[in-house]
Amino acid sequence: MTEPPTEPAPNPTPKPASGDSLFLMGALPLAAMLACGLFYSRLPAKLQDKVSLVVLDPTYRWLALALAAGFSAILAVAIVREIGHERLVQSWRFFRGLGPTGILGILNITLPPLAGFVLIWAMGATNLGPWMKSQGIIAVIVYAVAFAVFAGLSLLPTYAQAALGGWAFGVAWGLPAALIGFVGGALIGYALARRLSGDRIEAIIEKKPKWRTVRDALVGTQARAGDNNWRQSFWRSTGMIALLRLPPNSPFAFTNTLMASVKVPAVEFGLGTFLGMLPRTAVAVVLGAGLSTFSKSNLESAAPKWLWAVGIAVTVLIVIIVGMIANRAIEKMSATTQPKTPA
């Protein structure tokens, strides 16, 4: 008996095009525009002239803004396609659940870099620099207080402020004044974030066992005074905060908000901030003390290339260490929560 001929399999439905090409169409031009602004002083002379023409000529300026908006829209479409609508909705709900802390976190990341340009402009366009150099101890006190307030409110970048202290007062006075500003600013940012966050972040973490396990492993907030393990928790919290503060590109203001939101004790937070910020502050103050004029270009050229390499290496090493601690804690939690199979 012969079998009936089999029908050819239908052609599979073609998959939708990947969002990689859309992502590159939006991201690469935007990255090029951003690079032209950040590294303008290092561009070839002909390219600098073209960039200046785009910025100064109103017609080209509006054209550049329109292109940037178009590329941003393309990038947004690519991100939505890649992530998916449902995940974006979940992310938005999570962000809303953070309350004011979410908005504060965005400001922590975006405001300091923008304010850094304002600080460098003010040093050249006003008499603030000569005044700081001529007022002695009064200027040191004003500098330390202003450093703490502006850094605590995420209004100025800490690297530029520390270098400014070295330029204006030298290493002997600039380093302690900058450290006072750092610790004071950290505590101001901590108090602000603690008040805004309330118990929202803690409630979110408590609902997620893995998040709670990682939090406890990194900063040891499960132990308090009176607990038998409070000394171990104290030094774990202090050491981890110092470790997070150590990389030169560590986000100062965002770390304040994060540590306050998970309720790291204030004493450990302040001590860890001092220990972790000391090396990078000393480097910034020494570099600032060697400047003849406080400007963005001089500050960029003052740092040797090996220093940037060391900073990147330190950052990578700390990311690896933190990741290992978190993974080990999750593995330990999984091992203890898995039901034992009967023999």
Protein backbone atom coordinates (compact mmCIF):
# COMPACT_ATOMS: atom_id res chain seq x y z
CA MET A 1 0.00 0.00 0.00
CA THR A 2 1.50 3.25 -1.09
CA GLU A 3 1.56 6.19 1.26
CA PRO A 4 -0.10 9.40 0.09
CA PRO A 5 2.36 12.04 -1.04
CA THR A 6 3.24 14.44 1.70
CA GLU A 7 2.56 18.10 1.13
CA PRO A 8 5.56 20.42 1.26
CA ALA A 9 5.95 22.19 4.56
CA PRO A 10 4.77 25.78 4.46
CA ASN A 11 7.42 28.44 4.47
CA PRO A 12 8.05 29.70 8.01
CA THR A 13 6.70 33.11 8.82
CA PRO A 14 9.53 35.61 8.40
CA LYS A 15 10.69 37.06 11.68
CA PRO A 16 10.47 40.81 12.10
CA ALA A 17 13.64 42.69 11.46
CA SER A 18 15.93 43.05 14.42
CA GLY A 19 16.10 46.38 16.22
CA ASP A 20 19.90 46.40 16.07
CA SER A 21 19.97 48.43 12.87
CA LEU A 22 17.49 50.95 14.24
CA PHE A 23 19.49 51.20 17.43
CA LEU A 24 22.70 51.91 15.52
CA MET A 25 20.93 54.46 13.29
CA GLY A 26 19.91 56.42 16.35
CA ALA A 27 22.80 55.81 18.74
CA LEU A 28 25.81 56.38 16.49
CA PRO A 29 24.89 59.90 15.27
CA LEU A 30 23.93 60.96 18.80
CA ALA A 31 27.22 59.58 20.13
CA ALA A 32 29.11 61.51 17.43
CA MET A 33 27.34 64.75 18.38
CA LEU A 34 28.08 64.19 22.05
CA ALA A 35 31.72 63.39 21.34
CA CYS A 36 32.13 66.61 19.32
CA GLY A 37 30.92 68.60 22.32
CA LEU A 38 32.93 66.76 24.97
CA PHE A 39 36.20 66.58 23.04
CA TYR A 40 35.92 69.82 21.07
CA SER A 41 39.35 71.08 22.17
CA ARG A 42 41.00 67.91 20.86
CA LEU A 43 39.35 67.93 17.44
CA PRO A 44 41.33 68.91 14.32
CA ALA A 45 41.17 72.62 13.46
CA LYS A 46 39.00 72.10 10.36
CA LEU A 47 36.48 70.02 12.31
CA GLN A 48 36.44 72.63 15.10
CA ASP A 49 35.51 75.28 12.53
CA LYS A 50 32.62 73.16 11.27
CA VAL A 51 31.36 72.48 14.80
CA SER A 52 31.57 76.20 15.63
CA LEU A 53 29.59 77.00 12.47
CA VAL A 54 26.83 74.61 13.51
CA VAL A 55 26.67 76.10 17.01
CA LEU A 56 26.85 79.78 16.02
CA ASP A 57 24.79 79.89 12.82
CA PRO A 58 21.04 79.88 13.70
CA THR A 59 20.06 77.92 10.57
CA TYR A 60 22.54 75.12 11.17
CA ARG A 61 21.76 75.17 14.89
CA TRP A 62 18.08 74.43 14.33
CA LEU A 63 18.98 71.80 11.75
CA ALA A 64 21.30 70.10 14.26
CA LEU A 65 18.56 70.16 16.93
CA ALA A 66 16.05 68.68 14.48
CA LEU A 67 18.49 65.91 13.52
CA ALA A 68 19.20 65.19 17.20
CA ALA A 69 15.46 64.95 17.88
CA GLY A 70 15.00 62.61 14.92
CA PHE A 71 17.86 60.35 15.93
CA SER A 72 16.54 60.32 19.51
CA ALA A 73 13.13 59.21 18.23
CA ILE A 74 14.74 56.42 16.20
CA LEU A 75 16.70 55.32 19.25
CA ALA A 76 13.54 55.36 21.39
CA VAL A 77 11.67 53.18 18.86
CA ALA A 78 14.59 50.72 18.80
CA ILE A 79 14.64 50.51 22.59
CA VAL A 80 10.87 49.93 22.75
CA ARG A 81 11.13 47.16 20.13
CA GLU A 82 14.02 45.52 21.94
CA ILE A 83 12.65 45.69 25.46
CA GLY A 84 8.99 45.23 24.65
CA HIS A 85 5.95 47.28 25.61
CA GLU A 86 5.01 45.14 28.61
CA ARG A 87 8.44 45.43 30.19
CA LEU A 88 8.42 49.19 29.68
CA VAL A 89 5.06 49.38 31.44
CA GLN A 90 6.44 47.30 34.32
CA SER A 91 9.51 49.55 34.51
CA TRP A 92 7.31 52.64 34.62
CA ARG A 93 5.23 51.14 37.43
CA PHE A 94 8.42 50.33 39.33
CA PHE A 95 9.68 53.89 38.84
CA ARG A 96 6.38 55.30 40.11
CA GLY A 97 6.66 53.04 43.15
CA LEU A 98 9.96 54.71 44.03
CA GLY A 99 8.14 58.00 44.56
CA PRO A 100 10.33 61.12 44.95
CA THR A 101 13.42 58.91 45.27
CA GLY A 102 13.26 58.02 41.58
CA ILE A 103 13.21 61.67 40.52
CA LEU A 104 16.02 62.44 42.94
CA GLY A 105 18.10 59.61 41.46
CA ILE A 106 17.70 61.04 37.94
CA LEU A 107 18.73 64.49 39.17
CA ASN A 108 21.73 62.94 40.94
CA ILE A 109 23.00 61.61 37.62
CA THR A 110 22.15 64.49 35.27
CA LEU A 111 22.75 67.69 37.25
CA PRO A 112 26.43 67.42 38.36
CA PRO A 113 27.97 67.08 34.85
CA LEU A 114 25.95 70.03 33.55
CA ALA A 115 26.77 72.17 36.59
CA GLY A 116 30.49 71.45 36.13
CA PHE A 117 30.53 73.55 32.97
CA VAL A 118 28.85 76.38 34.89
CA LEU A 119 31.52 76.21 37.61
CA ILE A 120 34.41 76.35 35.13
CA TRP A 121 32.70 79.19 33.23
CA ALA A 122 32.18 81.15 36.47
CA MET A 123 35.85 80.84 37.39
CA GLY A 124 36.82 82.52 34.11
CA ALA A 125 34.00 85.04 33.81
CA THR A 126 33.97 86.34 37.40
CA ASN A 127 36.44 87.37 40.10
CA LEU A 128 35.65 84.30 42.19
CA GLY A 129 39.07 82.73 41.58
CA PRO A 130 41.17 85.74 42.67
CA TRP A 131 38.85 86.28 45.65
CA MET A 132 39.38 82.70 46.85
CA LYS A 133 43.14 83.04 46.56
CA SER A 134 43.25 86.32 48.49
CA GLN A 135 40.91 85.73 51.45
CA GLY A 136 42.90 83.12 53.36
CA ILE A 137 41.10 81.05 56.00
CA ILE A 138 37.76 82.79 55.36
CA ALA A 139 37.76 81.56 51.77
CA VAL A 140 38.68 78.04 52.94
CA ILE A 141 35.68 77.96 55.28
CA VAL A 142 33.34 79.38 52.62
CA TYR A 143 34.67 76.85 50.12
CA ALA A 144 34.16 73.85 52.45
CA VAL A 145 30.61 74.91 53.36
CA ALA A 146 29.67 75.68 49.76
CA PHE A 147 31.23 72.38 48.66
CA ALA A 148 29.09 70.46 51.17
CA VAL A 149 25.85 72.25 50.25
CA PHE A 150 26.24 72.14 46.47
CA ALA A 151 27.56 68.54 46.41
CA GLY A 152 24.83 67.41 48.82
CA LEU A 153 22.14 68.94 46.60
CA SER A 154 23.71 67.44 43.42
CA LEU A 155 24.37 70.91 42.03
CA LEU A 156 28.10 70.56 41.31
CA PRO A 157 30.47 67.72 40.35
CA THR A 158 32.79 66.65 43.14
CA TYR A 159 35.91 66.19 40.97
CA ALA A 160 35.87 69.79 39.72
CA GLN A 161 35.19 71.11 43.23
CA ALA A 162 38.08 69.14 44.71
CA ALA A 163 40.45 70.33 41.97
CA LEU A 164 39.27 73.89 42.62
CA GLY A 165 40.31 73.55 46.27
CA GLY A 166 43.81 72.47 45.25
CA TRP A 167 44.12 75.31 42.75
CA ALA A 168 42.91 77.98 45.17
CA PHE A 169 44.50 76.86 48.47
CA GLY A 170 47.20 74.32 47.63
CA VAL A 171 47.39 70.78 48.97
CA ALA A 172 47.87 71.64 52.67
CA TRP A 173 44.57 73.53 52.96
CA GLY A 174 42.76 72.27 49.88
CA LEU A 175 42.78 68.57 50.80
CA PRO A 176 41.20 68.85 54.29
CA ALA A 177 38.72 71.47 53.04
CA ALA A 178 37.70 69.22 50.14
CA LEU A 179 37.32 66.19 52.44
CA ILE A 180 35.15 68.22 54.81
CA GLY A 181 33.07 69.23 51.80
CA PHE A 182 32.80 65.64 50.62
CA VAL A 183 31.71 64.20 53.96
CA GLY A 184 29.40 67.14 54.67
CA GLY A 185 27.86 66.90 51.21
CA ALA A 186 27.41 63.14 51.57
CA LEU A 187 25.57 63.59 54.87
CA ILE A 188 23.35 66.35 53.43
CA GLY A 189 22.48 64.19 50.43
CA TYR A 190 21.93 61.22 52.75
CA ALA A 191 19.55 63.18 55.01
CA LEU A 192 17.60 64.52 52.02
CA ALA A 193 17.24 61.10 50.39
CA ARG A 194 16.34 59.45 53.71
CA ARG A 195 13.53 61.93 54.22
CA LEU A 196 12.20 61.59 50.66
CA SER A 197 12.49 57.82 50.39
CA GLY A 198 10.78 56.91 53.65
CA ASP A 199 10.15 53.17 53.71
CA ARG A 200 9.38 52.79 50.00
CA ILE A 201 12.69 51.23 48.94
CA GLU A 202 12.82 49.00 52.01
CA ALA A 203 9.30 47.75 51.25
CA ILE A 204 10.29 46.93 47.65
CA ILE A 205 13.44 45.11 48.78
CA GLU A 206 11.61 43.12 51.46
CA LYS A 207 9.26 41.73 48.79
CA LYS A 208 12.19 40.36 46.78
CA PRO A 209 14.27 37.78 48.69
CA LYS A 210 17.25 38.00 46.32
CA TRP A 211 17.41 41.78 46.58
CA ARG A 212 17.22 41.55 50.38
CA THR A 213 19.97 38.94 50.45
CA VAL A 214 22.28 41.03 48.26
CA ARG A 215 21.57 44.16 50.33
CA ASP A 216 22.40 42.36 53.56
CA ALA A 217 25.55 40.79 52.10
CA LEU A 218 26.88 44.11 50.81
CA VAL A 219 26.02 46.56 53.57
CA GLY A 220 25.06 44.31 56.47
CA THR A 221 21.93 46.19 57.50
CA GLN A 222 20.43 43.10 59.11
CA ALA A 223 22.53 43.65 62.25
CA ARG A 224 22.08 46.54 64.67
CA ALA A 225 23.51 47.57 68.00
CA GLY A 226 22.57 44.91 70.53
CA ASP A 227 22.86 42.11 67.99
CA ASN A 228 25.77 39.73 68.50
CA ASN A 229 27.00 40.46 64.96
CA TRP A 230 26.78 44.25 65.10
CA ARG A 231 30.58 44.77 64.95
CA GLN A 232 30.83 42.59 61.85
CA SER A 233 27.91 44.47 60.29
CA PHE A 234 29.49 47.84 61.17
CA TRP A 235 32.76 47.09 59.39
CA ARG A 236 31.05 45.36 56.49
CA SER A 237 28.93 48.44 55.85
CA THR A 238 31.87 50.81 56.29
CA GLY A 239 34.15 48.76 54.06
CA MET A 240 31.59 48.35 51.29
CA ILE A 241 30.79 52.07 51.21
CA ALA A 242 34.51 52.86 51.09
CA LEU A 243 34.87 50.37 48.23
CA LEU A 244 31.98 51.94 46.29
CA ARG A 245 33.45 55.42 46.81
CA LEU A 246 36.93 54.46 45.64
CA PRO A 247 36.57 54.49 41.81
CA PRO A 248 37.23 57.95 40.31
CA ASN A 249 34.02 57.79 38.27
CA SER A 250 31.81 56.61 41.12
CA PRO A 251 28.57 58.69 41.12
CA PHE A 252 28.79 60.62 44.38
CA ALA A 253 25.24 62.00 44.62
CA PHE A 254 23.54 58.82 43.38
CA THR A 255 25.46 56.73 45.93
CA ASN A 256 24.21 59.06 48.69
CA THR A 257 20.63 58.45 47.60
CA LEU A 258 21.07 54.70 47.20
CA MET A 259 22.71 54.18 50.61
CA ALA A 260 20.12 56.34 52.36
CA SER A 261 17.26 54.52 50.64
CA VAL A 262 18.42 51.11 51.87
CA LYS A 263 18.94 52.64 55.34
CA VAL A 264 22.66 52.18 55.78
CA PRO A 265 23.43 53.64 59.24
CA ALA A 266 24.70 57.23 59.12
CA VAL A 267 27.91 56.60 61.08
CA GLU A 268 29.07 53.79 58.79
CA PHE A 269 28.03 55.85 55.80
CA GLY A 270 30.05 58.91 56.88
CA LEU A 271 33.15 56.93 57.86
CA GLY A 272 33.08 54.82 54.68
CA THR A 273 32.68 57.97 52.59
CA PHE A 274 35.73 59.56 54.21
CA LEU A 275 37.92 56.49 53.72
CA GLY A 276 36.79 55.83 50.16
CA MET A 277 36.95 59.44 48.98
CA LEU A 278 40.40 60.15 50.45
CA PRO A 279 42.55 58.74 47.58
CA ARG A 280 40.57 60.25 44.69
CA THR A 281 40.24 63.57 46.51
CA ALA A 282 43.98 63.73 47.09
CA VAL A 283 44.61 63.09 43.39
CA ALA A 284 42.14 65.81 42.31
CA VAL A 285 43.57 68.35 44.78
CA VAL A 286 47.17 67.65 43.72
CA LEU A 287 46.23 68.03 40.05
CA GLY A 288 44.37 71.25 40.78
CA ALA A 289 47.31 72.64 42.75
CA GLY A 290 49.51 72.26 39.68
CA LEU A 291 47.25 74.37 37.42
CA SER A 292 48.21 77.90 36.49
CA THR A 293 44.66 78.70 35.33
CA PHE A 294 41.54 76.83 36.38
CA SER A 295 39.90 75.75 33.11
CA LYS A 296 38.37 72.61 31.60
CA SER A 297 41.18 72.11 29.10
CA ASN A 298 43.91 72.56 31.73
CA LEU A 299 42.14 70.20 34.10
CA GLU A 300 41.81 67.51 31.41
CA SER A 301 45.45 67.80 30.32
CA ALA A 302 46.76 67.78 33.91
CA ALA A 303 45.85 64.12 34.47
CA PRO A 304 48.43 61.72 32.98
CA LYS A 305 47.13 58.90 30.79
CA TRP A 306 48.28 56.20 33.21
CA LEU A 307 46.02 57.73 35.87
CA TRP A 308 42.95 57.14 33.70
CA ALA A 309 44.10 53.57 33.07
CA VAL A 310 44.47 52.98 36.81
CA GLY A 311 41.02 54.45 37.42
CA ILE A 312 39.43 52.12 34.87
CA ALA A 313 41.26 49.12 36.31
CA VAL A 314 40.13 49.99 39.86
CA THR A 315 36.54 50.38 38.67
CA VAL A 316 36.54 47.02 36.90
CA LEU A 317 38.12 45.30 39.92
CA ILE A 318 35.53 46.71 42.31
CA VAL A 319 32.66 45.73 40.01
CA ILE A 320 34.05 42.16 39.98
CA ILE A 321 34.41 42.10 43.78
CA VAL A 322 30.87 43.40 44.37
CA GLY A 323 29.49 40.95 41.81
CA MET A 324 31.27 38.02 43.47
CA ILE A 325 29.92 38.97 46.90
CA ALA A 326 26.37 39.31 45.53
CA ASN A 327 26.51 36.01 43.60
CA ARG A 328 27.90 34.16 46.60
CA ALA A 329 25.10 35.48 48.80
CA ILE A 330 22.45 34.42 46.27
CA GLU A 331 23.97 30.95 45.92
CA LYS A 332 24.03 30.56 49.70
CA MET A 333 20.40 31.65 49.95
CA SER A 334 19.38 29.21 47.20
CA ALA A 335 21.20 26.36 48.93
CA THR A 336 19.45 26.99 52.25
CA THR A 337 15.96 27.44 50.75
CA GLN A 338 15.98 24.41 48.46
CA PRO A 339 13.87 21.56 49.88
CA LYS A 340 15.90 18.50 50.78
CA THR A 341 15.01 15.38 48.78
CA PRO A 342 14.30 12.27 50.89
CA ALA A 343 17.01 9.63 50.85
